C-alpha cells in the first residue's frame, strides 16, 4: 500500500535547461501526472517509479512543507511552461510528473472479497477518473476495464482520479463477459446497473464478494454484458430525472452496496 516517505527534506531544484519547456522528451510508455493530489499520491507510492518531476517554486515549497522525500531531483519551471506542455485547460497546480505505469494485476489475482467495479466500455477519461476516485473512497478492491474502448491511466484520467490510481488496482481484461464469468466462478455476485431495470438496487439482496457492472453513458450495458449479470438493477431516484452521469451513479451504487452487502456465508 502507498505510504508517505519519512523525514522532512526540502527539495533541491535545478533549473530546467536544454528541454522543450516542461514537456521534455518522453518514453512512449510514460504516464503523465499533474495536479497536487495526483502527483503527491504518486510521490508517496513506493510502487510508482517517477522519472521526472517539474514544479513551480510555490509547488516545491508546498512539497517541502509536507515533508516529502522526492525520488528525483525536481526541475524548477514557470507555471506557463507546464501549461504549454499540457494545454491551457489543464489545472496543474504547478506540478507535472512523468512516471512508469503501475503494474496491472491479473483478474485471477483479485481476492474474492469486498466490492469490485466493472466498466463496460466507458471511454470518457473524466468519468473513469471520477469513478476511480469514488472507488478509492469506498474501499473498492479493483476497477476492471477492457483493453479496448477504455482510456489510458494517464493525463486527464489521472487528474480526475485525484490520486486514486495509487490506491485502487486497475485490472484490464480482453473480454468483459469472460472476465465476469471468471469472477462468478470465484463467488462474485454480478450486478449490472441499468436505469430501465425493474428491480431497485436498494431492494436487491446483495452479498460480498460483489461486482457492480457499469455501462457507458448513452449506450448502457451491452447485450452480452447484461445477459451475463446475475441481477440487473436500477437506482431508484425520486426526482424528474431518472438517470445520473455514470460517475455519479457509481458513487451512489457504492454507497448503497457498502451499506447493504454483507460477506457471503458458506
C-alpha atoms as a PDB file:
ATOM      1  CA  UNK A   1       0.000   0.000   0.000  1.00  0.00           C
ATOM      2  CA  UNK A   2       1.194   3.541  -0.631  1.00  0.00           C
ATOM      3  CA  UNK A   3       2.808   5.149   2.375  1.00  0.00           C
ATOM      4  CA  UNK A   4       4.258   8.576   2.968  1.00  0.00           C
ATOM      5  CA  UNK A   5       8.016   8.936   2.958  1.00  0.00           C
ATOM      6  CA  UNK A   6       9.658   9.532   6.306  1.00  0.00           C
ATOM      7  CA  UNK A   7      11.513  12.599   7.356  1.00  0.00           C
ATOM      8  CA  UNK A   8      11.454  16.163   6.126  1.00  0.00           C
ATOM      9  CA  UNK A   9      13.634  17.133   3.246  1.00  0.00           C
ATOM     10  CA  UNK A  10      13.485  20.359   1.245  1.00  0.00           C
ATOM     11  CA  UNK A  11      13.753  19.652  -2.476  1.00  0.00           C
ATOM     12  CA  UNK A  12      16.859  20.906  -4.199  1.00  0.00           C
ATOM     13  CA  UNK A  13      15.523  22.034  -7.593  1.00  0.00           C
ATOM     14  CA  UNK A  14      17.560  22.665 -10.683  1.00  0.00           C
ATOM     15  CA  UNK A  15      16.611  24.959 -13.499  1.00  0.00           C
ATOM     16  CA  UNK A  16      15.155  23.093 -16.476  1.00  0.00           C
ATOM     17  CA  UNK A  17      17.536  23.861 -19.312  1.00  0.00           C
ATOM     18  CA  UNK A  18      18.026  22.231 -22.693  1.00  0.00           C
ATOM     19  CA  UNK A  19      14.433  20.935 -22.791  1.00  0.00           C
ATOM     20  CA  UNK A  20      11.335  21.936 -24.709  1.00  0.00           C
ATOM     21  CA  UNK A  21       9.645  23.773 -21.849  1.00  0.00           C
ATOM     22  CA  UNK A  22       8.184  21.419 -19.260  1.00  0.00           C
ATOM     23  CA  UNK A  23       7.494  18.692 -21.819  1.00  0.00           C
ATOM     24  CA  UNK A  24      10.998  17.332 -22.399  1.00  0.00           C
ATOM     25  CA  UNK A  25      11.496  14.011 -24.164  1.00  0.00           C
ATOM     26  CA  UNK A  26       9.164  11.238 -23.128  1.00  0.00           C
ATOM     27  CA  UNK A  27       9.346   7.484 -23.393  1.00  0.00           C
ATOM     28  CA  UNK A  28       6.293   6.220 -25.326  1.00  0.00           C
ATOM     29  CA  UNK A  29       5.025   4.337 -22.255  1.00  0.00           C
ATOM     30  CA  UNK A  30       5.394   7.309 -19.926  1.00  0.00           C
ATOM     31  CA  UNK A  31       2.419   8.195 -17.750  1.00  0.00           C
ATOM     32  CA  UNK A  32       1.734  11.908 -17.379  1.00  0.00           C
ATOM     33  CA  UNK A  33       0.551  13.013 -13.944  1.00  0.00           C
ATOM     34  CA  UNK A  34      -0.329  16.567 -12.985  1.00  0.00           C
ATOM     35  CA  UNK A  35      -2.116  18.410 -10.218  1.00  0.00           C
ATOM     36  CA  UNK A  36      -1.437  18.474  -6.482  1.00  0.00           C
ATOM     37  CA  UNK A  37      -3.341  15.405  -5.255  1.00  0.00           C
ATOM     38  CA  UNK A  38      -2.399  13.283  -8.254  1.00  0.00           C
ATOM     39  CA  UNK A  39       1.332  13.985  -8.128  1.00  0.00           C
ATOM     40  CA  UNK A  40       1.564  13.936  -4.330  1.00  0.00           C
ATOM     41  CA  UNK A  41      -0.090  10.498  -4.170  1.00  0.00           C
ATOM     42  CA  UNK A  42       2.298   9.210  -6.831  1.00  0.00           C
ATOM     43  CA  UNK A  43       5.308  10.568  -4.940  1.00  0.00           C
ATOM     44  CA  UNK A  44       4.088   8.824  -1.785  1.00  0.00           C
ATOM     45  CA  UNK A  45       3.595   5.497  -3.566  1.00  0.00           C
ATOM     46  CA  UNK A  46       6.762   3.352  -3.411  1.00  0.00           C
ATOM     47  CA  UNK A  47       5.392   1.218  -6.251  1.00  0.00           C
ATOM     48  CA  UNK A  48       5.329   4.189  -8.632  1.00  0.00           C
ATOM     49  CA  UNK A  49       8.605   4.944 -10.425  1.00  0.00           C
ATOM     50  CA  UNK A  50       8.899   8.674 -11.057  1.00  0.00           C
ATOM     51  CA  UNK A  51      11.160   9.528 -13.983  1.00  0.00           C
ATOM     52  CA  UNK A  52      10.858  13.299 -13.943  1.00  0.00           C
ATOM     53  CA  UNK A  53       9.269  15.996 -11.804  1.00  0.00           C
ATOM     54  CA  UNK A  54       8.706  19.572 -12.967  1.00  0.00           C
ATOM     55  CA  UNK A  55       7.422  22.024 -10.394  1.00  0.00           C
ATOM     56  CA  UNK A  56       6.941  25.708  -9.796  1.00  0.00           C
ATOM     57  CA  UNK A  57       8.585  27.462  -6.869  1.00  0.00           C
ATOM     58  CA  UNK A  58       5.322  27.570  -4.918  1.00  0.00           C
ATOM     59  CA  UNK A  59       4.655  23.870  -5.526  1.00  0.00           C
ATOM     60  CA  UNK A  60       8.160  22.958  -4.357  1.00  0.00           C
ATOM     61  CA  UNK A  61       7.653  24.916  -1.151  1.00  0.00           C
ATOM     62  CA  UNK A  62       4.385  23.091  -0.591  1.00  0.00           C
ATOM     63  CA  UNK A  63       6.024  19.697  -1.155  1.00  0.00           C
ATOM     64  CA  UNK A  64       8.746  20.629   1.300  1.00  0.00           C
ATOM     65  CA  UNK A  65       6.142  21.646   3.870  1.00  0.00           C
ATOM     66  CA  UNK A  66       4.575  18.199   3.501  1.00  0.00           C
ATOM     67  CA  UNK A  67       7.933  16.611   4.350  1.00  0.00           C
ATOM     68  CA  UNK A  68       8.132  14.571   1.171  1.00  0.00           C
ATOM     69  CA  UNK A  69      11.458  12.976   0.252  1.00  0.00           C
ATOM     70  CA  UNK A  70      11.466  13.265  -3.524  1.00  0.00           C
ATOM     71  CA  UNK A  71      12.635  10.264  -5.600  1.00  0.00           C
ATOM     72  CA  UNK A  72      14.137  12.505  -8.301  1.00  0.00           C
ATOM     73  CA  UNK A  73      15.682  15.945  -8.348  1.00  0.00           C
ATOM     74  CA  UNK A  74      12.889  18.345  -9.286  1.00  0.00           C
ATOM     75  CA  UNK A  75      13.148  20.808 -12.135  1.00  0.00           C
ATOM     76  CA  UNK A  76      12.127  24.366 -11.321  1.00  0.00           C
ATOM     77  CA  UNK A  77       9.830  25.725 -14.036  1.00  0.00           C
ATOM     78  CA  UNK A  78       7.390  28.564 -14.525  1.00  0.00           C
ATOM     79  CA  UNK A  79       3.637  27.838 -14.474  1.00  0.00           C
ATOM     80  CA  UNK A  80       3.272  28.736 -18.135  1.00  0.00           C
ATOM     81  CA  UNK A  81       5.855  26.105 -19.085  1.00  0.00           C
ATOM     82  CA  UNK A  82       3.672  23.372 -17.556  1.00  0.00           C
ATOM     83  CA  UNK A  83       0.563  24.870 -19.142  1.00  0.00           C
ATOM     84  CA  UNK A  84       2.288  24.827 -22.518  1.00  0.00           C
ATOM     85  CA  UNK A  85       3.103  21.135 -22.105  1.00  0.00           C
ATOM     86  CA  UNK A  86      -0.394  20.128 -21.004  1.00  0.00           C
ATOM     87  CA  UNK A  87      -2.719  22.589 -22.681  1.00  0.00           C
ATOM     88  CA  UNK A  88      -4.488  25.703 -21.410  1.00  0.00           C
ATOM     89  CA  UNK A  89      -7.392  23.849 -19.760  1.00  0.00           C
ATOM     90  CA  UNK A  90      -5.267  21.615 -17.522  1.00  0.00           C
ATOM     91  CA  UNK A  91      -5.408  22.589 -13.843  1.00  0.00           C
ATOM     92  CA  UNK A  92      -1.855  21.579 -12.964  1.00  0.00           C
ATOM     93  CA  UNK A  93      -1.317  23.497  -9.687  1.00  0.00           C
ATOM     94  CA  UNK A  94       2.356  23.813 -10.514  1.00  0.00           C
ATOM     95  CA  UNK A  95       3.173  20.100 -10.683  1.00  0.00           C
ATOM     96  CA  UNK A  96       3.903  17.774 -13.606  1.00  0.00           C
ATOM     97  CA  UNK A  97       5.400  14.296 -13.242  1.00  0.00           C
ATOM     98  CA  UNK A  98       6.430  11.701 -15.780  1.00  0.00           C
ATOM     99  CA  UNK A  99       6.297   8.157 -14.438  1.00  0.00           C
ATOM    100  CA  UNK A 100       6.193   4.493 -15.363  1.00  0.00           C
ATOM    101  CA  UNK A 101       2.759   2.854 -15.446  1.00  0.00           C
ATOM    102  CA  UNK A 102       1.825   0.871 -12.375  1.00  0.00           C
ATOM    103  CA  UNK A 103       1.872  -2.900 -12.747  1.00  0.00           C
ATOM    104  CA  UNK A 104      -1.588  -4.152 -13.732  1.00  0.00           C
ATOM    105  CA  UNK A 105      -2.659  -7.208 -11.715  1.00  0.00           C
ATOM    106  CA  UNK A 106      -4.337 -10.178 -13.380  1.00  0.00           C
ATOM    107  CA  UNK A 107      -8.005 -10.793 -12.738  1.00  0.00           C
ATOM    108  CA  UNK A 108      -7.229 -14.134 -11.097  1.00  0.00           C
ATOM    109  CA  UNK A 109      -5.077 -12.291  -8.547  1.00  0.00           C
ATOM    110  CA  UNK A 110      -8.139 -10.404  -7.298  1.00  0.00           C
ATOM    111  CA  UNK A 111      -9.130 -11.728  -3.872  1.00  0.00           C
ATOM    112  CA  UNK A 112     -12.756 -12.970  -3.731  1.00  0.00           C
ATOM    113  CA  UNK A 113     -13.855 -10.406  -1.169  1.00  0.00           C
ATOM    114  CA  UNK A 114     -15.293  -6.921  -0.965  1.00  0.00           C
ATOM    115  CA  UNK A 115     -16.577  -4.987  -3.968  1.00  0.00           C
ATOM    116  CA  UNK A 116     -15.177  -4.642  -7.482  1.00  0.00           C
ATOM    117  CA  UNK A 117     -16.325  -2.256 -10.202  1.00  0.00           C
ATOM    118  CA  UNK A 118     -16.515  -3.428 -13.820  1.00  0.00           C
ATOM    119  CA  UNK A 119     -16.658  -0.801 -16.563  1.00  0.00           C
ATOM    120  CA  UNK A 120     -18.284  -1.808 -19.850  1.00  0.00           C
ATOM    121  CA  UNK A 121     -16.555   0.353 -22.475  1.00  0.00           C
ATOM    122  CA  UNK A 122     -16.692   3.636 -20.575  1.00  0.00           C
ATOM    123  CA  UNK A 123     -14.386   5.781 -22.669  1.00  0.00           C
ATOM    124  CA  UNK A 124     -14.557   9.272 -21.150  1.00  0.00           C
ATOM    125  CA  UNK A 125     -11.384   9.768 -19.052  1.00  0.00           C
ATOM    126  CA  UNK A 126     -13.144  12.310 -16.815  1.00  0.00           C
ATOM    127  CA  UNK A 127     -15.813   9.742 -15.935  1.00  0.00           C
ATOM    128  CA  UNK A 128     -13.362   6.888 -15.395  1.00  0.00           C
ATOM    129  CA  UNK A 129     -11.163   9.105 -13.232  1.00  0.00           C
ATOM    130  CA  UNK A 130     -14.137  10.194 -11.125  1.00  0.00           C
ATOM    131  CA  UNK A 131     -15.223   6.549 -10.772  1.00  0.00           C
ATOM    132  CA  UNK A 132     -11.739   5.642  -9.554  1.00  0.00           C
ATOM    133  CA  UNK A 133     -11.893   8.449  -7.002  1.00  0.00           C
ATOM    134  CA  UNK A 134     -15.192   7.110  -5.640  1.00  0.00           C
ATOM    135  CA  UNK A 135     -13.763   3.587  -5.706  1.00  0.00           C
ATOM    136  CA  UNK A 136     -10.872   4.693  -3.507  1.00  0.00           C
ATOM    137  CA  UNK A 137     -13.241   6.457  -1.124  1.00  0.00           C
ATOM    138  CA  UNK A 138     -15.390   3.329  -0.702  1.00  0.00           C
ATOM    139  CA  UNK A 139     -12.506   0.857  -0.440  1.00  0.00           C
ATOM    140  CA  UNK A 140     -13.206  -0.912  -3.733  1.00  0.00           C
ATOM    141  CA  UNK A 141     -10.872  -3.871  -4.302  1.00  0.00           C
ATOM    142  CA  UNK A 142     -10.327  -3.217  -8.021  1.00  0.00           C
ATOM    143  CA  UNK A 143     -11.704  -1.492 -11.086  1.00  0.00           C
ATOM    144  CA  UNK A 144     -11.886  -3.767 -14.121  1.00  0.00           C
ATOM    145  CA  UNK A 145     -11.817  -2.332 -17.651  1.00  0.00           C
ATOM    146  CA  UNK A 146     -11.443  -3.738 -21.146  1.00  0.00           C
ATOM    147  CA  UNK A 147      -8.205  -3.483 -23.090  1.00  0.00           C
ATOM    148  CA  UNK A 148     -10.069  -1.751 -25.921  1.00  0.00           C
ATOM    149  CA  UNK A 149     -12.572   1.094 -25.621  1.00  0.00           C
ATOM    150  CA  UNK A 150     -11.109   2.284 -22.323  1.00  0.00           C
ATOM    151  CA  UNK A 151      -8.973   5.378 -21.652  1.00  0.00           C
ATOM    152  CA  UNK A 152      -5.340   5.047 -20.591  1.00  0.00           C
ATOM    153  CA  UNK A 153      -4.411   5.681 -16.961  1.00  0.00           C
ATOM    154  CA  UNK A 154      -2.645   8.946 -17.653  1.00  0.00           C
ATOM    155  CA  UNK A 155      -3.289  12.668 -18.165  1.00  0.00           C
ATOM    156  CA  UNK A 156      -6.913  13.726 -17.729  1.00  0.00           C
ATOM    157  CA  UNK A 157      -7.960  10.390 -16.221  1.00  0.00           C
ATOM    158  CA  UNK A 158      -5.219  10.559 -13.591  1.00  0.00           C
ATOM    159  CA  UNK A 159      -6.083  14.172 -12.748  1.00  0.00           C
ATOM    160  CA  UNK A 160      -9.794  13.333 -12.433  1.00  0.00           C
ATOM    161  CA  UNK A 161      -8.915  10.386 -10.191  1.00  0.00           C
ATOM    162  CA  UNK A 162      -7.165  12.805  -7.815  1.00  0.00           C
ATOM    163  CA  UNK A 163      -4.616  10.248  -6.600  1.00  0.00           C
ATOM    164  CA  UNK A 164      -6.912   7.202  -6.665  1.00  0.00           C
ATOM    165  CA  UNK A 165      -4.740   5.440  -9.260  1.00  0.00           C
ATOM    166  CA  UNK A 166      -2.207   4.875  -6.488  1.00  0.00           C
ATOM    167  CA  UNK A 167      -4.778   3.156  -4.250  1.00  0.00           C
ATOM    168  CA  UNK A 168      -7.162   1.154  -6.446  1.00  0.00           C
ATOM    169  CA  UNK A 169      -5.791  -1.636  -8.682  1.00  0.00           C
ATOM    170  CA  UNK A 170      -6.784  -1.185 -12.316  1.00  0.00           C
ATOM    171  CA  UNK A 171      -7.330  -4.607 -13.930  1.00  0.00           C
ATOM    172  CA  UNK A 172      -7.546  -4.947 -17.709  1.00  0.00           C
ATOM    173  CA  UNK A 173      -9.290  -7.840 -19.451  1.00  0.00           C
ATOM    174  CA  UNK A 174      -9.587  -8.669 -23.136  1.00  0.00           C
ATOM    175  CA  UNK A 175     -13.225  -9.742 -22.916  1.00  0.00           C
ATOM    176  CA  UNK A 176     -15.512  -8.397 -20.189  1.00  0.00           C
ATOM    177  CA  UNK A 177     -18.104 -11.198 -20.366  1.00  0.00           C
ATOM    178  CA  UNK A 178     -15.412 -13.851 -19.920  1.00  0.00           C
ATOM    179  CA  UNK A 179     -13.956 -11.845 -17.059  1.00  0.00           C
ATOM    180  CA  UNK A 180     -17.382 -11.713 -15.450  1.00  0.00           C
ATOM    181  CA  UNK A 181     -17.763 -15.476 -15.764  1.00  0.00           C
ATOM    182  CA  UNK A 182     -14.373 -15.918 -14.124  1.00  0.00           C
ATOM    183  CA  UNK A 183     -15.456 -13.710 -11.231  1.00  0.00           C
ATOM    184  CA  UNK A 184     -18.733 -15.624 -10.884  1.00  0.00           C
ATOM    185  CA  UNK A 185     -16.750 -18.849 -10.654  1.00  0.00           C
ATOM    186  CA  UNK A 186     -14.877 -17.357  -7.708  1.00  0.00           C
ATOM    187  CA  UNK A 187     -18.035 -16.442  -5.838  1.00  0.00           C
ATOM    188  CA  UNK A 188     -18.727 -12.880  -7.010  1.00  0.00           C
ATOM    189  CA  UNK A 189     -22.334 -11.737  -7.342  1.00  0.00           C
ATOM    190  CA  UNK A 190     -22.586  -9.844 -10.664  1.00  0.00           C
ATOM    191  CA  UNK A 191     -24.980  -6.888 -10.502  1.00  0.00           C
ATOM    192  CA  UNK A 192     -25.430  -4.673 -13.556  1.00  0.00           C
ATOM    193  CA  UNK A 193     -26.795  -1.141 -13.335  1.00  0.00           C
ATOM    194  CA  UNK A 194     -29.428  -0.052 -15.846  1.00  0.00           C
ATOM    195  CA  UNK A 195     -31.878   2.825 -15.460  1.00  0.00           C
ATOM    196  CA  UNK A 196     -34.567   0.748 -17.202  1.00  0.00           C
ATOM    197  CA  UNK A 197     -34.251  -2.287 -14.907  1.00  0.00           C
ATOM    198  CA  UNK A 198     -37.319  -3.380 -12.927  1.00  0.00           C
ATOM    199  CA  UNK A 199     -35.508  -4.041  -9.638  1.00  0.00           C
ATOM    200  CA  UNK A 200     -34.287  -1.286  -7.333  1.00  0.00           C
ATOM    201  CA  UNK A 201     -30.665  -1.790  -6.265  1.00  0.00           C
ATOM    202  CA  UNK A 202     -31.561  -0.886  -2.686  1.00  0.00           C
ATOM    203  CA  UNK A 203     -34.045  -3.787  -2.551  1.00  0.00           C
ATOM    204  CA  UNK A 204     -31.707  -6.416  -4.062  1.00  0.00           C
ATOM    205  CA  UNK A 205     -30.198  -8.934  -1.648  1.00  0.00           C
ATOM    206  CA  UNK A 206     -26.521  -8.064  -2.038  1.00  0.00           C
ATOM    207  CA  UNK A 207     -23.655 -10.208  -0.810  1.00  0.00           C
ATOM    208  CA  UNK A 208     -19.883  -9.976  -0.996  1.00  0.00           C
ATOM    209  CA  UNK A 209     -17.829 -10.587  -2.994  1.00  0.00           C
ATOM    210  CA  UNK A 210     -19.790  -8.268  -5.239  1.00  0.00           C
ATOM    211  CA  UNK A 211     -19.076  -6.951  -8.743  1.00  0.00           C
ATOM    212  CA  UNK A 212     -21.029  -3.861  -9.812  1.00  0.00           C
ATOM    213  CA  UNK A 213     -21.122  -3.527 -13.604  1.00  0.00           C
ATOM    214  CA  UNK A 214     -21.479  -0.064 -15.158  1.00  0.00           C
ATOM    215  CA  UNK A 215     -22.220   0.716 -18.804  1.00  0.00           C
ATOM    216  CA  UNK A 216     -21.233   3.703 -20.904  1.00  0.00           C
ATOM    217  CA  UNK A 217     -23.456   6.764 -20.922  1.00  0.00           C
ATOM    218  CA  UNK A 218     -25.988   6.622 -23.710  1.00  0.00           C
ATOM    219  CA  UNK A 219     -25.263   3.019 -24.704  1.00  0.00           C
ATOM    220  CA  UNK A 220     -25.553   1.468 -21.250  1.00  0.00           C
ATOM    221  CA  UNK A 221     -24.656  -2.177 -20.755  1.00  0.00           C
ATOM    222  CA  UNK A 222     -24.002  -4.141 -23.915  1.00  0.00           C
ATOM    223  CA  UNK A 223     -26.354  -7.050 -24.567  1.00  0.00           C
ATOM    224  CA  UNK A 224     -23.863  -9.790 -23.669  1.00  0.00           C
ATOM    225  CA  UNK A 225     -22.703  -7.919 -20.576  1.00  0.00           C
ATOM    226  CA  UNK A 226     -26.285  -7.532 -19.390  1.00  0.00           C
ATOM    227  CA  UNK A 227     -27.064 -11.199 -20.086  1.00  0.00           C
ATOM    228  CA  UNK A 228     -24.010 -12.295 -18.096  1.00  0.00           C
ATOM    229  CA  UNK A 229     -25.103 -10.423 -14.952  1.00  0.00           C
ATOM    230  CA  UNK A 230     -26.833 -12.313 -12.137  1.00  0.00           C
ATOM    231  CA  UNK A 231     -29.069  -9.316 -11.459  1.00  0.00           C
ATOM    232  CA  UNK A 232     -29.750  -6.081 -13.339  1.00  0.00           C
ATOM    233  CA  UNK A 233     -30.981  -3.246 -11.137  1.00  0.00           C
ATOM    234  CA  UNK A 234     -31.682   0.470 -11.290  1.00  0.00           C
ATOM    235  CA  UNK A 235     -31.023   3.331  -8.932  1.00  0.00           C
ATOM    236  CA  UNK A 236     -34.473   4.426  -7.769  1.00  0.00           C
ATOM    237  CA  UNK A 237     -34.461   8.223  -7.992  1.00  0.00           C
ATOM    238  CA  UNK A 238     -37.387  10.316  -6.677  1.00  0.00           C
ATOM    239  CA  UNK A 239     -36.951  13.292  -8.995  1.00  0.00           C
ATOM    240  CA  UNK A 240     -37.991  14.031 -12.563  1.00  0.00           C
ATOM    241  CA  UNK A 241     -34.649  12.857 -13.992  1.00  0.00           C
ATOM    242  CA  UNK A 242     -34.256   9.103 -13.601  1.00  0.00           C
ATOM    243  CA  UNK A 243     -30.663   8.636 -14.695  1.00  0.00           C
ATOM    244  CA  UNK A 244     -27.330  10.003 -13.500  1.00  0.00           C
ATOM    245  CA  UNK A 245     -23.935  10.652 -15.009  1.00  0.00           C
ATOM    246  CA  UNK A 246     -22.137   7.296 -14.832  1.00  0.00           C
ATOM    247  CA  UNK A 247     -19.583   8.521 -12.289  1.00  0.00           C
ATOM    248  CA  UNK A 248     -22.359   9.827 -10.029  1.00  0.00           C
ATOM    249  CA  UNK A 249     -24.255   6.570 -10.467  1.00  0.00           C
ATOM    250  CA  UNK A 250     -21.136   4.667  -9.444  1.00  0.00           C
ATOM    251  CA  UNK A 251     -20.788   6.691  -6.240  1.00  0.00           C
ATOM    252  CA  UNK A 252     -24.453   6.198  -5.297  1.00  0.00           C
ATOM    253  CA  UNK A 253     -24.343   2.481  -6.118  1.00  0.00           C
ATOM    254  CA  UNK A 254     -21.217   2.061  -3.985  1.00  0.00           C
ATOM    255  CA  UNK A 255     -22.907   3.843  -1.090  1.00  0.00           C
ATOM    256  CA  UNK A 256     -25.901   1.515  -1.292  1.00  0.00           C
ATOM    257  CA  UNK A 257     -23.748  -1.596  -1.770  1.00  0.00           C
ATOM    258  CA  UNK A 258     -21.333  -0.899   1.078  1.00  0.00           C
ATOM    259  CA  UNK A 259     -24.237  -0.447   3.473  1.00  0.00           C
ATOM    260  CA  UNK A 260     -26.221  -3.445   2.247  1.00  0.00           C
ATOM    261  CA  UNK A 261     -23.763  -6.049   1.011  1.00  0.00           C
ATOM    262  CA  UNK A 262     -22.730  -8.457   3.748  1.00  0.00           C
ATOM    263  CA  UNK A 263     -19.982 -11.054   3.207  1.00  0.00           C
ATOM    264  CA  UNK A 264     -21.426 -14.291   1.858  1.00  0.00           C
ATOM    265  CA  UNK A 265     -21.608 -17.187   4.331  1.00  0.00           C
ATOM    266  CA  UNK A 266     -20.667 -20.721   3.436  1.00  0.00           C
END
